[in-house]
């Protein structure tokens, strides 16, 4: 299950969707504009993300609103970013030593 979830998170566009929804709920139309994708493409991403418990939705009138299902995933992504920053810092130091 963890490997499948990581596969879902491996998409840069899905990460962008999560970060865009970090502090707010948005309609599908607003979200499509914010992350610069077509509605059919967004629908595919959101369907997969809903299936894996990353986002939730609610319908209000004609609009479907989306939000992050658990902020725990955002905390996890922040931890992964910290690891990447550390790796880049080490690589940068190594590059300076080589030059």
C-alpha atoms as a PDB file:
ATOM      1  CA  UNK A   1       0.000   0.000   0.000  1.00  0.00           C
ATOM      2  CA  UNK A   2       2.842   2.355   0.839  1.00  0.00           C
ATOM      3  CA  UNK A   3       4.508   1.721  -2.511  1.00  0.00           C
ATOM      4  CA  UNK A   4       1.245   2.480  -4.338  1.00  0.00           C
ATOM      5  CA  UNK A   5       0.789   5.702  -2.393  1.00  0.00           C
ATOM      6  CA  UNK A   6       4.352   6.720  -3.216  1.00  0.00           C
ATOM      7  CA  UNK A   7       3.618   6.061  -6.897  1.00  0.00           C
ATOM      8  CA  UNK A   8       0.653   8.429  -6.705  1.00  0.00           C
ATOM      9  CA  UNK A   9       2.879  11.044  -5.063  1.00  0.00           C
ATOM     10  CA  UNK A  10       5.567  10.570  -7.729  1.00  0.00           C
ATOM     11  CA  UNK A  11       3.681  12.864 -10.126  1.00  0.00           C
ATOM     12  CA  UNK A  12       4.902  16.485 -10.030  1.00  0.00           C
ATOM     13  CA  UNK A  13       1.411  17.653 -11.023  1.00  0.00           C
ATOM     14  CA  UNK A  14      -0.218  15.760  -8.143  1.00  0.00           C
ATOM     15  CA  UNK A  15       2.284  17.280  -5.726  1.00  0.00           C
ATOM     16  CA  UNK A  16       1.425  20.701  -7.141  1.00  0.00           C
ATOM     17  CA  UNK A  17      -2.269  19.974  -6.591  1.00  0.00           C
ATOM     18  CA  UNK A  18      -1.630  19.032  -2.956  1.00  0.00           C
ATOM     19  CA  UNK A  19       0.473  22.140  -2.333  1.00  0.00           C
ATOM     20  CA  UNK A  20      -2.181  24.311  -3.987  1.00  0.00           C
ATOM     21  CA  UNK A  21      -4.853  22.848  -1.718  1.00  0.00           C
ATOM     22  CA  UNK A  22      -2.612  23.125   1.347  1.00  0.00           C
ATOM     23  CA  UNK A  23      -4.409  26.058   2.971  1.00  0.00           C
ATOM     24  CA  UNK A  24      -7.670  26.218   1.093  1.00  0.00           C
ATOM     25  CA  UNK A  25     -10.554  24.377  -0.434  1.00  0.00           C
ATOM     26  CA  UNK A  26     -11.039  25.013  -4.155  1.00  0.00           C
ATOM     27  CA  UNK A  27     -13.512  24.199  -6.880  1.00  0.00           C
ATOM     28  CA  UNK A  28     -12.339  21.948  -9.676  1.00  0.00           C
ATOM     29  CA  UNK A  29     -12.363  24.915 -12.073  1.00  0.00           C
ATOM     30  CA  UNK A  30     -10.290  27.097  -9.748  1.00  0.00           C
ATOM     31  CA  UNK A  31      -7.852  24.263  -9.179  1.00  0.00           C
ATOM     32  CA  UNK A  32      -7.490  23.521 -12.910  1.00  0.00           C
ATOM     33  CA  UNK A  33      -6.568  27.159 -13.546  1.00  0.00           C
ATOM     34  CA  UNK A  34      -4.205  27.305 -10.572  1.00  0.00           C
ATOM     35  CA  UNK A  35      -2.202  24.254 -11.648  1.00  0.00           C
ATOM     36  CA  UNK A  36      -2.601  24.886 -15.392  1.00  0.00           C
ATOM     37  CA  UNK A  37      -4.242  21.637 -16.498  1.00  0.00           C
ATOM     38  CA  UNK A  38      -7.335  20.781 -18.479  1.00  0.00           C
ATOM     39  CA  UNK A  39     -10.436  19.686 -16.605  1.00  0.00           C
ATOM     40  CA  UNK A  40     -10.240  16.091 -17.943  1.00  0.00           C
ATOM     41  CA  UNK A  41      -6.596  15.847 -16.854  1.00  0.00           C
ATOM     42  CA  UNK A  42      -7.386  17.319 -13.430  1.00  0.00           C
ATOM     43  CA  UNK A  43     -10.289  14.908 -13.071  1.00  0.00           C
ATOM     44  CA  UNK A  44      -7.951  11.946 -13.648  1.00  0.00           C
ATOM     45  CA  UNK A  45      -5.461  13.217 -11.072  1.00  0.00           C
ATOM     46  CA  UNK A  46      -8.141  13.962  -8.480  1.00  0.00           C
ATOM     47  CA  UNK A  47      -9.840  10.611  -8.987  1.00  0.00           C
ATOM     48  CA  UNK A  48      -6.603   8.753  -8.290  1.00  0.00           C
ATOM     49  CA  UNK A  49      -5.799  11.015  -5.335  1.00  0.00           C
ATOM     50  CA  UNK A  50      -9.284  10.469  -3.864  1.00  0.00           C
ATOM     51  CA  UNK A  51      -8.919   6.733  -4.342  1.00  0.00           C
ATOM     52  CA  UNK A  52      -5.732   6.822  -2.239  1.00  0.00           C
ATOM     53  CA  UNK A  53      -7.149   9.106   0.444  1.00  0.00           C
ATOM     54  CA  UNK A  54      -5.107  12.199  -0.397  1.00  0.00           C
ATOM     55  CA  UNK A  55      -7.985  14.534  -1.204  1.00  0.00           C
ATOM     56  CA  UNK A  56     -11.642  14.770  -0.277  1.00  0.00           C
ATOM     57  CA  UNK A  57     -14.473  16.468  -2.087  1.00  0.00           C
ATOM     58  CA  UNK A  58     -17.879  17.914  -1.372  1.00  0.00           C
ATOM     59  CA  UNK A  59     -20.576  19.080  -3.729  1.00  0.00           C
ATOM     60  CA  UNK A  60     -22.243  22.436  -3.259  1.00  0.00           C
ATOM     61  CA  UNK A  61     -24.752  23.403  -5.898  1.00  0.00           C
ATOM     62  CA  UNK A  62     -23.103  22.854  -9.266  1.00  0.00           C
ATOM     63  CA  UNK A  63     -19.575  23.023  -7.862  1.00  0.00           C
ATOM     64  CA  UNK A  64     -17.345  20.273  -6.546  1.00  0.00           C
ATOM     65  CA  UNK A  65     -14.919  21.486  -3.878  1.00  0.00           C
ATOM     66  CA  UNK A  66     -11.638  19.724  -3.108  1.00  0.00           C
ATOM     67  CA  UNK A  67      -9.391  19.805  -0.052  1.00  0.00           C
ATOM     68  CA  UNK A  68      -6.446  17.864   1.360  1.00  0.00           C
ATOM     69  CA  UNK A  69      -7.819  14.858   3.230  1.00  0.00           C
ATOM     70  CA  UNK A  70      -5.110  14.810   5.899  1.00  0.00           C
ATOM     71  CA  UNK A  71      -2.514  17.443   6.642  1.00  0.00           C
ATOM     72  CA  UNK A  72      -0.279  14.582   7.785  1.00  0.00           C
ATOM     73  CA  UNK A  73       0.623  14.023   4.124  1.00  0.00           C
ATOM     74  CA  UNK A  74       1.738  17.649   3.830  1.00  0.00           C
ATOM     75  CA  UNK A  75       3.953  17.204   6.886  1.00  0.00           C
ATOM     76  CA  UNK A  76       5.432  14.087   5.315  1.00  0.00           C
ATOM     77  CA  UNK A  77       6.120  15.935   2.071  1.00  0.00           C
ATOM     78  CA  UNK A  78       7.799  18.729   4.047  1.00  0.00           C
ATOM     79  CA  UNK A  79      10.079  16.126   5.654  1.00  0.00           C
ATOM     80  CA  UNK A  80      10.967  14.716   2.249  1.00  0.00           C
ATOM     81  CA  UNK A  81      11.825  18.244   1.062  1.00  0.00           C
ATOM     82  CA  UNK A  82      14.153  18.694   4.049  1.00  0.00           C
ATOM     83  CA  UNK A  83      15.977  15.493   3.128  1.00  0.00           C
ATOM     84  CA  UNK A  84      16.336  16.716  -0.458  1.00  0.00           C
ATOM     85  CA  UNK A  85      17.683  20.089   0.683  1.00  0.00           C
ATOM     86  CA  UNK A  86      20.254  18.287   2.848  1.00  0.00           C
ATOM     87  CA  UNK A  87      21.284  16.126  -0.109  1.00  0.00           C
ATOM     88  CA  UNK A  88      21.638  19.173  -2.363  1.00  0.00           C
ATOM     89  CA  UNK A  89      23.748  20.937   0.267  1.00  0.00           C
ATOM     90  CA  UNK A  90      26.080  17.912   0.475  1.00  0.00           C
ATOM     91  CA  UNK A  91      26.340  17.736  -3.313  1.00  0.00           C
ATOM     92  CA  UNK A  92      27.106  21.442  -3.459  1.00  0.00           C
ATOM     93  CA  UNK A  93      29.914  21.068  -0.912  1.00  0.00           C
ATOM     94  CA  UNK A  94      31.304  18.119  -2.838  1.00  0.00           C
ATOM     95  CA  UNK A  95      31.191  20.127  -6.072  1.00  0.00           C
ATOM     96  CA  UNK A  96      33.070  22.999  -4.414  1.00  0.00           C
ATOM     97  CA  UNK A  97      35.743  20.572  -3.214  1.00  0.00           C
ATOM     98  CA  UNK A  98      36.155  19.094  -6.693  1.00  0.00           C
ATOM     99  CA  UNK A  99      36.510  22.506  -8.310  1.00  0.00           C
END
